[in-house]
């Protein structure tokens, strides 16, 4: 935890080993979707948000450093960015992210502007 943009902040309240799939995602200005996937990999932690009907078929990868709070009881992850910032983020393409340096840099640039 706590590896800059790619680590969950210590203050977020993430319980080690927690399964976040299905948790609601709450932006600073309201609900944005649910978590389809997440990773707790050291140095590359993230959540993948399915924005559902709000942005049809849109999946975005959000670096763990953007997470401000995890409410396990309410099954909600709060992120420190707006719905528009998530909407404007690069699309997540399953299988492409891990080895695609250009995609990683694009995501870092997008969320780095908002942190």
Protein backbone atom coordinates (compact mmCIF):
# COMPACT_ATOMS: atom_id res chain seq x y z
CA UNK A 1 0.00 0.00 0.00
CA UNK A 2 1.00 3.60 -0.48
CA UNK A 3 3.05 3.37 -3.74
CA UNK A 4 1.99 6.73 -5.23
CA UNK A 5 -0.63 6.62 -7.96
CA UNK A 6 -0.45 2.80 -8.15
CA UNK A 7 -0.89 2.05 -4.43
CA UNK A 8 -3.96 2.18 -2.21
CA UNK A 9 -3.45 4.99 0.33
CA UNK A 10 -2.94 3.79 3.90
CA UNK A 11 -5.83 6.05 4.94
CA UNK A 12 -8.29 4.42 2.49
CA UNK A 13 -9.15 1.61 4.90
CA UNK A 14 -8.60 -1.26 2.49
CA UNK A 15 -8.58 -4.57 4.31
CA UNK A 16 -5.75 -6.77 2.99
CA UNK A 17 -7.13 -9.55 0.82
CA UNK A 18 -10.54 -7.87 0.46
CA UNK A 19 -12.51 -8.72 -2.66
CA UNK A 20 -13.83 -5.47 -4.13
CA UNK A 21 -15.61 -6.93 -7.17
CA UNK A 22 -19.22 -5.74 -7.16
CA UNK A 23 -18.56 -2.78 -4.87
CA UNK A 24 -20.20 0.47 -5.93
CA UNK A 25 -17.89 3.31 -6.97
CA UNK A 26 -18.67 6.80 -5.72
CA UNK A 27 -16.97 9.78 -7.38
CA UNK A 28 -16.76 13.16 -5.67
CA UNK A 29 -20.03 14.15 -7.40
CA UNK A 30 -22.01 10.90 -7.25
CA UNK A 31 -22.24 7.24 -8.19
CA UNK A 32 -20.32 6.17 -11.30
CA UNK A 33 -20.59 2.36 -11.49
CA UNK A 34 -19.32 -0.89 -10.01
CA UNK A 35 -15.98 -2.64 -9.78
CA UNK A 36 -15.54 -5.45 -12.32
CA UNK A 37 -11.94 -6.24 -11.45
CA UNK A 38 -9.23 -5.13 -9.08
CA UNK A 39 -5.59 -5.78 -8.40
CA UNK A 40 -3.59 -5.43 -5.25
CA UNK A 41 -0.27 -6.05 -6.98
CA UNK A 42 2.54 -4.13 -5.33
CA UNK A 43 3.42 -1.12 -7.45
CA UNK A 44 0.51 -1.64 -9.86
CA UNK A 45 -2.76 -1.72 -7.88
CA UNK A 46 -5.96 -0.60 -9.57
CA UNK A 47 -9.70 -1.02 -9.90
CA UNK A 48 -11.61 -1.50 -13.16
CA UNK A 49 -14.89 0.39 -13.09
CA UNK A 50 -17.85 -0.69 -15.20
CA UNK A 51 -19.79 2.52 -15.66
CA UNK A 52 -22.81 0.53 -16.89
CA UNK A 53 -25.73 2.44 -18.37
CA UNK A 54 -24.23 5.84 -17.46
CA UNK A 55 -21.64 5.43 -20.23
CA UNK A 56 -22.76 2.41 -22.26
CA UNK A 57 -20.17 -0.35 -22.23
CA UNK A 58 -17.41 1.81 -20.77
CA UNK A 59 -14.78 0.13 -18.59
CA UNK A 60 -12.01 2.26 -17.15
CA UNK A 61 -8.93 1.43 -15.17
CA UNK A 62 -8.52 3.66 -12.10
CA UNK A 63 -5.17 3.60 -10.29
CA UNK A 64 -5.45 2.68 -6.61
CA UNK A 65 -3.95 6.01 -5.56
CA UNK A 66 -7.19 7.72 -6.63
CA UNK A 67 -9.17 5.72 -4.03
CA UNK A 68 -9.91 7.90 -1.02
CA UNK A 69 -11.95 5.49 1.11
CA UNK A 70 -13.21 1.91 1.10
CA UNK A 71 -16.49 1.31 2.95
CA UNK A 72 -16.61 -2.45 3.40
CA UNK A 73 -19.90 -2.39 5.28
CA UNK A 74 -21.62 -0.38 2.53
CA UNK A 75 -19.62 -2.14 -0.22
CA UNK A 76 -18.61 1.21 -1.71
CA UNK A 77 -15.28 2.55 -2.92
CA UNK A 78 -14.95 6.34 -2.90
CA UNK A 79 -12.59 7.91 -5.42
CA UNK A 80 -11.05 11.36 -5.36
CA UNK A 81 -12.15 12.45 -8.84
CA UNK A 82 -15.35 13.49 -10.58
CA UNK A 83 -17.62 11.43 -12.80
CA UNK A 84 -16.44 13.51 -15.76
CA UNK A 85 -12.80 12.71 -14.98
CA UNK A 86 -13.61 9.00 -15.00
CA UNK A 87 -15.70 9.37 -18.16
CA UNK A 88 -12.76 11.09 -19.89
CA UNK A 89 -10.24 8.45 -18.84
CA UNK A 90 -8.81 5.98 -21.36
CA UNK A 91 -10.89 2.88 -22.07
CA UNK A 92 -9.75 -0.32 -20.40
CA UNK A 93 -9.02 -3.18 -22.78
CA UNK A 94 -8.68 -6.46 -20.93
CA UNK A 95 -5.32 -8.11 -21.47
CA UNK A 96 -3.70 -5.00 -22.93
CA UNK A 97 -2.88 -3.09 -19.77
CA UNK A 98 -0.20 -5.19 -18.08
CA UNK A 99 2.44 -5.04 -20.83
CA UNK A 100 1.46 -1.93 -22.74
CA UNK A 101 3.77 0.85 -21.53
CA UNK A 102 1.97 3.47 -23.66
CA UNK A 103 -1.38 2.65 -22.00
CA UNK A 104 0.16 2.77 -18.53
CA UNK A 105 1.70 6.19 -19.24
CA UNK A 106 -1.59 7.48 -20.66
CA UNK A 107 -3.44 6.42 -17.50
CA UNK A 108 -0.75 7.93 -15.26
CA UNK A 109 -0.93 11.23 -17.16
CA UNK A 110 -4.73 11.35 -17.02
CA UNK A 111 -5.03 10.72 -13.29
CA UNK A 112 -1.81 12.53 -12.41
CA UNK A 113 -3.40 15.78 -13.58
CA UNK A 114 -6.22 15.29 -11.07
CA UNK A 115 -4.23 14.32 -8.01
